[in-house]
C-alpha atoms as a PDB file:
ATOM      1  CA  MET A   1       3.882   2.820 -33.430  1.00  0.00           C
ATOM      2  CA  SER A   2       4.859   2.990 -29.786  1.00  0.00           C
ATOM      3  CA  ASN A   3       2.216   2.386 -27.173  1.00  0.00           C
ATOM      4  CA  LYS A   4       4.492   2.854 -24.174  1.00  0.00           C
ATOM      5  CA  LEU A   5       2.761   3.926 -20.978  1.00  0.00           C
ATOM      6  CA  THR A   6       4.271   5.986 -18.171  1.00  0.00           C
ATOM      7  CA  VAL A   7       2.553   6.204 -14.803  1.00  0.00           C
ATOM      8  CA  ARG A   8       3.523   7.751 -11.462  1.00  0.00           C
ATOM      9  CA  ARG A   9       3.708   5.440  -8.462  1.00  0.00           C
ATOM     10  CA  GLY A  10       0.661   5.691  -6.197  1.00  0.00           C
ATOM     11  CA  ARG A  11      -1.360   7.800  -8.652  1.00  0.00           C
ATOM     12  CA  ALA A  12      -4.653   7.111 -10.379  1.00  0.00           C
ATOM     13  CA  LYS A  13      -4.571   6.827 -14.152  1.00  0.00           C
ATOM     14  CA  SER A  14      -7.289   6.205 -16.735  1.00  0.00           C
ATOM     15  CA  ILE A  15      -6.160   4.614 -19.965  1.00  0.00           C
ATOM     16  CA  THR A  16      -8.460   4.619 -22.987  1.00  0.00           C
ATOM     17  CA  PHE A  17      -8.068   1.988 -25.677  1.00  0.00           C
ATOM     18  CA  THR A  18      -9.916   2.368 -28.976  1.00  0.00           C
ATOM     19  CA  VAL A  19     -10.336  -0.917 -30.813  1.00  0.00           C
ATOM     20  CA  VAL A  20     -10.645  -0.680 -34.600  1.00  0.00           C
ATOM     21  CA  ASP A  21     -10.709  -3.208 -37.416  1.00  0.00           C
ATOM     22  CA  SER A  22      -8.211  -3.360 -40.284  1.00  0.00           C
ATOM     23  CA  ALA A  23     -10.121  -0.601 -42.120  1.00  0.00           C
ATOM     24  CA  GLY A  24      -9.895   1.712 -39.104  1.00  0.00           C
ATOM     25  CA  VAL A  25     -13.586   1.366 -38.235  1.00  0.00           C
ATOM     26  CA  ALA A  26     -14.618   1.034 -34.586  1.00  0.00           C
ATOM     27  CA  PHE A  27     -14.832  -2.641 -33.580  1.00  0.00           C
ATOM     28  CA  ASP A  28     -18.088  -3.500 -31.805  1.00  0.00           C
ATOM     29  CA  LEU A  29     -17.108  -4.834 -28.384  1.00  0.00           C
ATOM     30  CA  SER A  30     -20.604  -6.139 -27.544  1.00  0.00           C
ATOM     31  CA  GLY A  31     -20.189  -9.339 -25.528  1.00  0.00           C
ATOM     32  CA  TYR A  32     -16.452  -8.770 -25.012  1.00  0.00           C
ATOM     33  CA  THR A  33     -14.536  -8.153 -21.831  1.00  0.00           C
ATOM     34  CA  GLY A  34     -11.234  -6.309 -21.676  1.00  0.00           C
ATOM     35  CA  ARG A  35      -8.266  -7.081 -19.453  1.00  0.00           C
ATOM     36  CA  PHE A  36      -5.109  -5.146 -18.664  1.00  0.00           C
ATOM     37  CA  MET A  37      -2.037  -6.791 -17.143  1.00  0.00           C
ATOM     38  CA  VAL A  38       1.343  -5.462 -16.079  1.00  0.00           C
ATOM     39  CA  LYS A  39       4.176  -7.895 -15.370  1.00  0.00           C
ATOM     40  CA  ARG A  40       7.834  -7.666 -14.442  1.00  0.00           C
ATOM     41  CA  ASP A  41       8.586 -10.537 -16.803  1.00  0.00           C
ATOM     42  CA  PRO A  42       6.109 -11.394 -19.574  1.00  0.00           C
ATOM     43  CA  ALA A  43       6.748 -15.094 -18.877  1.00  0.00           C
ATOM     44  CA  ASP A  44       5.430 -14.774 -15.311  1.00  0.00           C
ATOM     45  CA  PRO A  45       2.097 -16.479 -14.648  1.00  0.00           C
ATOM     46  CA  ASP A  46      -0.953 -14.211 -14.670  1.00  0.00           C
ATOM     47  CA  SER A  47      -1.342 -14.808 -10.932  1.00  0.00           C
ATOM     48  CA  GLU A  48       1.973 -12.950 -10.420  1.00  0.00           C
ATOM     49  CA  ALA A  49       0.988  -9.847 -12.414  1.00  0.00           C
ATOM     50  CA  ALA A  50       2.013  -6.616 -10.695  1.00  0.00           C
ATOM     51  CA  ILE A  51      -1.231  -5.047 -11.920  1.00  0.00           C
ATOM     52  CA  SER A  52      -4.372  -6.754 -13.175  1.00  0.00           C
ATOM     53  CA  ALA A  53      -7.455  -4.716 -14.061  1.00  0.00           C
ATOM     54  CA  THR A  54     -10.680  -5.108 -15.991  1.00  0.00           C
ATOM     55  CA  ALA A  55     -11.602  -2.643 -18.711  1.00  0.00           C
ATOM     56  CA  VAL A  56     -14.959  -0.897 -18.699  1.00  0.00           C
ATOM     57  CA  ILE A  57     -16.703  -1.067 -22.063  1.00  0.00           C
ATOM     58  CA  ALA A  58     -19.438   1.528 -21.596  1.00  0.00           C
ATOM     59  CA  THR A  59     -20.563   1.894 -25.230  1.00  0.00           C
ATOM     60  CA  PRO A  60     -19.518  -1.274 -27.069  1.00  0.00           C
ATOM     61  CA  ALA A  61     -20.313   0.014 -30.601  1.00  0.00           C
ATOM     62  CA  THR A  62     -17.633   2.711 -30.269  1.00  0.00           C
ATOM     63  CA  GLY A  63     -14.840   0.204 -29.656  1.00  0.00           C
ATOM     64  CA  ILE A  64     -13.737   2.171 -26.608  1.00  0.00           C
ATOM     65  CA  ALA A  65     -12.529   0.422 -23.466  1.00  0.00           C
ATOM     66  CA  VAL A  66     -11.260   2.259 -20.398  1.00  0.00           C
ATOM     67  CA  VAL A  67      -8.939   0.859 -17.756  1.00  0.00           C
ATOM     68  CA  THR A  68      -8.790   2.766 -14.489  1.00  0.00           C
ATOM     69  CA  LEU A  69      -5.737   2.255 -12.348  1.00  0.00           C
ATOM     70  CA  THR A  70      -6.238   3.241  -8.723  1.00  0.00           C
ATOM     71  CA  PRO A  71      -3.476   4.622  -6.499  1.00  0.00           C
ATOM     72  CA  THR A  72      -3.395   1.229  -4.749  1.00  0.00           C
ATOM     73  CA  LEU A  73      -2.807  -0.605  -8.036  1.00  0.00           C
ATOM     74  CA  THR A  74       0.067   1.698  -9.022  1.00  0.00           C
ATOM     75  CA  ASP A  75       1.749   1.514  -5.610  1.00  0.00           C
ATOM     76  CA  ILE A  76       4.301  -1.036  -6.803  1.00  0.00           C
ATOM     77  CA  ASP A  77       8.079  -1.084  -7.337  1.00  0.00           C
ATOM     78  CA  VAL A  78       9.428   1.712  -9.521  1.00  0.00           C
ATOM     79  CA  GLN A  79      10.829   0.047 -12.649  1.00  0.00           C
ATOM     80  CA  LYS A  80      10.034  -0.919 -16.233  1.00  0.00           C
ATOM     81  CA  TYR A  81       7.416  -3.574 -16.810  1.00  0.00           C
ATOM     82  CA  SER A  82       5.554  -5.003 -19.786  1.00  0.00           C
ATOM     83  CA  TYR A  83       1.831  -4.515 -20.246  1.00  0.00           C
ATOM     84  CA  GLU A  84      -0.783  -6.192 -22.349  1.00  0.00           C
ATOM     85  CA  PHE A  85      -4.347  -5.210 -23.227  1.00  0.00           C
ATOM     86  CA  LEU A  86      -6.542  -8.136 -24.260  1.00  0.00           C
ATOM     87  CA  ILE A  87     -10.137  -8.661 -25.277  1.00  0.00           C
ATOM     88  CA  ASP A  88     -12.086 -11.863 -24.701  1.00  0.00           C
ATOM     89  CA  ASP A  89     -15.287 -12.774 -26.539  1.00  0.00           C
ATOM     90  CA  GLY A  90     -16.315 -15.200 -23.781  1.00  0.00           C
ATOM     91  CA  ALA A  91     -15.920 -18.217 -26.087  1.00  0.00           C
ATOM     92  CA  ASN A  92     -12.169 -18.753 -25.578  1.00  0.00           C
ATOM     93  CA  ASP A  93     -11.151 -16.301 -28.296  1.00  0.00           C
ATOM     94  CA  VAL A  94      -8.704 -14.056 -26.437  1.00  0.00           C
ATOM     95  CA  GLN A  95      -6.803 -11.520 -28.527  1.00  0.00           C
ATOM     96  CA  THR A  96      -3.861  -9.357 -27.519  1.00  0.00           C
ATOM     97  CA  LEU A  97      -4.469  -5.898 -28.938  1.00  0.00           C
ATOM     98  CA  ILE A  98      -1.549  -3.983 -27.449  1.00  0.00           C
ATOM     99  CA  TYR A  99       1.679  -5.122 -25.856  1.00  0.00           C
ATOM    100  CA  ASP A 100       4.397  -2.658 -24.886  1.00  0.00           C
ATOM    101  CA  GLU A 101       6.469  -1.122 -22.116  1.00  0.00           C
ATOM    102  CA  PHE A 102       4.908   0.132 -18.886  1.00  0.00           C
ATOM    103  CA  LYS A 103       7.220   2.468 -17.014  1.00  0.00           C
ATOM    104  CA  LEU A 104       6.460   3.297 -13.416  1.00  0.00           C
ATOM    105  CA  LEU A 105       8.073   6.507 -12.201  1.00  0.00           C
ATOM    106  CA  ASP A 106       8.536   7.517  -8.592  1.00  0.00           C
ATOM    107  CA  SER A 107       6.458  10.347  -7.158  1.00  0.00           C
ATOM    108  CA  VAL A 108       7.953  13.211  -5.226  1.00  0.00           C
ATOM    109  CA  ALA A 109       4.816  13.849  -3.171  1.00  0.00           C
ATOM    110  CA  ARG A 110       3.374  11.064  -1.057  1.00  0.00           C
ATOM    111  CA  LEU A 111      -0.379  11.528  -1.133  1.00  0.00           C
END
């Protein structure tokens, strides 16, 4: 299953991730934090991420985490990147849930 993301440069974008267990049941995200990173090269250090954002987990029992990218965050070079969505239980158990291509397209209008 492809989880590729396409975003326009300089535009806001909300991305919703639904975390489920192996049976397809919502995973309770109580106590977890979510992170979203976009990098030119996956081997780059986290400090060199083109985009780094924290997910909002409003209702943990639903397994839903939302990452909001602001126009400032998406005002980066137009190209293909890699992204990763991770959850962290706060006790050094960090899990990558999604890893795929992040394509940033140019915008015609400059807002």
